[in-house]
Amino acid sequence: MSAHCMLTGARPGFGNHISFSHRRTSRRFDPNIQSRRYWLPSEGRYVRLRLSVKGIRTVDTIGVEAAVARIRARGVKV
């Protein structure tokens, strides 16, 4: 599965390695994706979310119910 956050939509960025001789080769900047399990009281079950650390902090701020609503609004199945 590609490294992307279900909540924020963070995806890998692309750039170049630049060596000492200034030769450029491609590289990827992957977001810090973590798999977290949250209790969803409205459905009486746990949901497993793949979130970036910024997404985890957002869930801590707005709550899991609002976060799942935002994820579903983006069209992602939870």
N, C-alpha and C. Protein backbone atom coordinates (compact mmCIF):
# COMPACT_ATOMS: atom_id res chain seq x y z
N MET A 1 0.85 -1.18 0.00
CA MET A 1 0.00 0.00 0.00
C MET A 1 0.89 1.24 0.00
N SER A 2 0.48 2.27 -0.73
CA SER A 2 1.31 3.47 -0.80
C SER A 2 1.29 4.19 0.54
N ALA A 3 2.34 4.93 0.77
CA ALA A 3 2.47 5.66 2.03
C ALA A 3 1.68 6.95 1.95
N HIS A 4 0.41 6.91 2.37
CA HIS A 4 -0.38 8.13 2.43
C HIS A 4 -1.26 8.12 3.66
N CYS A 5 -1.57 9.31 4.14
CA CYS A 5 -2.37 9.48 5.35
C CYS A 5 -3.84 9.52 4.98
N MET A 6 -4.66 8.77 5.70
CA MET A 6 -6.09 8.74 5.43
C MET A 6 -6.77 10.06 5.78
N LEU A 7 -6.23 10.80 6.73
CA LEU A 7 -6.87 12.03 7.20
C LEU A 7 -6.36 13.26 6.46
N THR A 8 -5.07 13.46 6.44
CA THR A 8 -4.51 14.68 5.85
C THR A 8 -4.22 14.52 4.36
N GLY A 9 -4.14 13.29 3.88
CA GLY A 9 -3.84 13.07 2.47
C GLY A 9 -2.38 13.23 2.13
N ALA A 10 -1.50 13.26 3.15
CA ALA A 10 -0.07 13.42 2.91
C ALA A 10 0.45 12.23 2.10
N ARG A 11 1.19 12.52 1.04
CA ARG A 11 1.75 11.51 0.16
C ARG A 11 3.25 11.74 0.02
N PRO A 12 3.98 10.77 -0.53
CA PRO A 12 5.42 10.97 -0.69
C PRO A 12 5.72 12.17 -1.60
N GLY A 13 6.78 12.86 -1.24
CA GLY A 13 7.32 13.91 -2.10
C GLY A 13 8.52 13.36 -2.83
N PHE A 14 8.88 13.96 -3.93
CA PHE A 14 10.00 13.45 -4.71
C PHE A 14 11.03 14.55 -4.88
N GLY A 15 12.28 14.14 -4.95
CA GLY A 15 13.37 15.09 -5.11
C GLY A 15 14.60 14.37 -5.60
N ASN A 16 15.75 14.94 -5.31
CA ASN A 16 17.01 14.37 -5.77
C ASN A 16 17.98 14.20 -4.61
N HIS A 17 18.73 13.09 -4.64
CA HIS A 17 19.95 12.98 -3.86
C HIS A 17 20.99 13.79 -4.60
N ILE A 18 21.75 14.60 -3.92
CA ILE A 18 22.83 15.33 -4.59
C ILE A 18 24.13 14.92 -3.91
N SER A 19 24.97 14.23 -4.66
CA SER A 19 26.21 13.73 -4.10
C SER A 19 27.25 14.85 -4.01
N PHE A 20 28.39 14.51 -3.46
CA PHE A 20 29.47 15.49 -3.33
C PHE A 20 29.91 15.99 -4.70
N SER A 21 29.89 15.10 -5.70
CA SER A 21 30.27 15.50 -7.06
C SER A 21 29.14 16.20 -7.80
N HIS A 22 28.01 16.38 -7.11
CA HIS A 22 26.82 17.06 -7.62
C HIS A 22 26.07 16.25 -8.67
N ARG A 23 26.25 14.94 -8.64
CA ARG A 23 25.46 14.05 -9.48
C ARG A 23 24.09 13.89 -8.82
N ARG A 24 23.02 13.94 -9.60
CA ARG A 24 21.67 13.86 -9.03
C ARG A 24 21.03 12.51 -9.35
N THR A 25 20.43 11.91 -8.33
CA THR A 25 19.64 10.69 -8.52
C THR A 25 18.33 10.88 -7.77
N SER A 26 17.29 10.21 -8.23
CA SER A 26 15.96 10.39 -7.65
C SER A 26 15.85 9.79 -6.25
N ARG A 27 15.00 10.39 -5.45
CA ARG A 27 14.71 9.87 -4.12
C ARG A 27 13.28 10.23 -3.75
N ARG A 28 12.79 9.59 -2.67
CA ARG A 28 11.45 9.83 -2.16
C ARG A 28 11.52 10.33 -0.73
N PHE A 29 10.66 11.29 -0.41
CA PHE A 29 10.49 11.74 0.96
C PHE A 29 9.16 11.18 1.44
N ASP A 30 9.18 10.08 2.20
CA ASP A 30 7.95 9.45 2.67
C ASP A 30 7.44 10.14 3.93
N PRO A 31 6.10 10.31 4.04
CA PRO A 31 5.55 10.83 5.30
C PRO A 31 5.67 9.78 6.40
N ASN A 32 5.64 10.24 7.64
CA ASN A 32 5.78 9.35 8.80
C ASN A 32 4.42 8.70 9.07
N ILE A 33 4.16 7.56 8.43
CA ILE A 33 2.87 6.88 8.52
C ILE A 33 2.89 5.86 9.64
N GLN A 34 1.87 5.92 10.50
CA GLN A 34 1.71 4.98 11.60
C GLN A 34 0.32 4.36 11.51
N SER A 35 0.19 3.12 11.93
CA SER A 35 -1.11 2.47 11.98
C SER A 35 -1.63 2.56 13.41
N ARG A 36 -2.81 3.14 13.58
CA ARG A 36 -3.39 3.34 14.91
C ARG A 36 -4.78 2.75 14.97
N ARG A 37 -5.13 2.20 16.12
CA ARG A 37 -6.45 1.64 16.34
C ARG A 37 -7.19 2.55 17.31
N TYR A 38 -8.38 3.01 16.91
CA TYR A 38 -9.18 3.90 17.74
C TYR A 38 -10.53 3.27 18.01
N TRP A 39 -11.07 3.51 19.21
CA TRP A 39 -12.41 3.07 19.55
C TRP A 39 -13.40 4.09 19.02
N LEU A 40 -14.37 3.63 18.22
CA LEU A 40 -15.39 4.49 17.64
C LEU A 40 -16.69 4.24 18.40
N PRO A 41 -17.04 5.08 19.39
CA PRO A 41 -18.19 4.81 20.24
C PRO A 41 -19.52 4.76 19.49
N SER A 42 -19.68 5.56 18.45
CA SER A 42 -20.97 5.61 17.75
C SER A 42 -21.27 4.28 17.05
N GLU A 43 -20.22 3.55 16.63
CA GLU A 43 -20.44 2.27 15.95
C GLU A 43 -20.13 1.08 16.85
N GLY A 44 -19.61 1.35 18.04
CA GLY A 44 -19.31 0.29 18.99
C GLY A 44 -18.23 -0.66 18.51
N ARG A 45 -17.24 -0.13 17.81
CA ARG A 45 -16.16 -0.98 17.29
C ARG A 45 -14.87 -0.17 17.18
N TYR A 46 -13.78 -0.91 16.99
CA TYR A 46 -12.49 -0.29 16.74
C TYR A 46 -12.33 -0.06 15.25
N VAL A 47 -11.63 1.01 14.90
CA VAL A 47 -11.25 1.24 13.51
C VAL A 47 -9.74 1.38 13.46
N ARG A 48 -9.13 0.81 12.44
CA ARG A 48 -7.68 0.91 12.27
C ARG A 48 -7.43 1.95 11.18
N LEU A 49 -6.67 3.00 11.54
CA LEU A 49 -6.40 4.09 10.62
C LEU A 49 -4.91 4.18 10.35
N ARG A 50 -4.54 4.44 9.09
CA ARG A 50 -3.15 4.68 8.71
C ARG A 50 -2.97 6.20 8.62
N LEU A 51 -2.31 6.76 9.63
CA LEU A 51 -2.22 8.21 9.76
C LEU A 51 -0.77 8.65 9.82
N SER A 52 -0.53 9.87 9.32
CA SER A 52 0.76 10.50 9.55
C SER A 52 0.75 11.00 10.99
N VAL A 53 1.91 11.37 11.51
CA VAL A 53 1.97 11.85 12.89
C VAL A 53 1.20 13.16 13.02
N LYS A 54 1.20 13.97 11.99
CA LYS A 54 0.37 15.18 11.99
C LYS A 54 -1.11 14.80 12.07
N GLY A 55 -1.51 13.74 11.37
CA GLY A 55 -2.89 13.26 11.43
C GLY A 55 -3.25 12.74 12.81
N ILE A 56 -2.32 12.07 13.48
CA ILE A 56 -2.56 11.58 14.84
C ILE A 56 -2.79 12.75 15.79
N ARG A 57 -1.99 13.81 15.64
CA ARG A 57 -2.18 14.99 16.49
C ARG A 57 -3.52 15.66 16.19
N THR A 58 -3.95 15.64 14.94
CA THR A 58 -5.25 16.20 14.57
C THR A 58 -6.37 15.41 15.22
N VAL A 59 -6.27 14.07 15.23
CA VAL A 59 -7.28 13.24 15.89
C VAL A 59 -7.31 13.55 17.39
N ASP A 60 -6.15 13.75 18.00
CA ASP A 60 -6.11 14.10 19.42
C ASP A 60 -6.82 15.43 19.68
N THR A 61 -6.77 16.35 18.73
CA THR A 61 -7.37 17.67 18.91
C THR A 61 -8.87 17.66 18.65
N ILE A 62 -9.29 17.10 17.50
CA ILE A 62 -10.71 17.20 17.11
C ILE A 62 -11.55 16.01 17.55
N GLY A 63 -10.91 14.91 17.93
CA GLY A 63 -11.63 13.72 18.35
C GLY A 63 -11.78 12.72 17.21
N VAL A 64 -11.98 11.47 17.58
CA VAL A 64 -12.01 10.40 16.58
C VAL A 64 -13.28 10.45 15.74
N GLU A 65 -14.40 10.86 16.31
CA GLU A 65 -15.65 10.91 15.55
C GLU A 65 -15.54 11.92 14.40
N ALA A 66 -15.05 13.13 14.71
CA ALA A 66 -14.90 14.16 13.68
C ALA A 66 -13.86 13.76 12.64
N ALA A 67 -12.79 13.09 13.10
CA ALA A 67 -11.74 12.65 12.17
C ALA A 67 -12.28 11.61 11.20
N VAL A 68 -13.04 10.64 11.69
CA VAL A 68 -13.62 9.61 10.82
C VAL A 68 -14.61 10.24 9.85
N ALA A 69 -15.35 11.26 10.30
CA ALA A 69 -16.27 11.96 9.40
C ALA A 69 -15.50 12.65 8.28
N ARG A 70 -14.35 13.27 8.60
CA ARG A 70 -13.53 13.91 7.56
C ARG A 70 -12.97 12.88 6.59
N ILE A 71 -12.53 11.73 7.13
CA ILE A 71 -11.97 10.68 6.27
C ILE A 71 -13.04 10.17 5.31
N ARG A 72 -14.24 9.96 5.83
CA ARG A 72 -15.33 9.48 4.97
C ARG A 72 -15.74 10.53 3.95
N ALA A 73 -15.64 11.82 4.31
CA ALA A 73 -15.96 12.89 3.36
C ALA A 73 -14.98 12.91 2.20
N ARG A 74 -13.74 12.46 2.44
CA ARG A 74 -12.75 12.39 1.38
C ARG A 74 -12.99 11.18 0.48
N GLY A 75 -13.92 10.30 0.87
CA GLY A 75 -14.25 9.15 0.05
C GLY A 75 -13.47 7.89 0.39
N VAL A 76 -12.83 7.87 1.55
CA VAL A 76 -12.06 6.70 1.98
C VAL A 76 -12.94 5.82 2.84
N LYS A 77 -12.93 4.53 2.59
CA LYS A 77 -13.73 3.59 3.37
C LYS A 77 -13.04 3.31 4.70
N VAL A 78 -13.81 3.40 5.81
CA VAL A 78 -13.26 3.13 7.14
C VAL A 78 -13.96 1.93 7.71
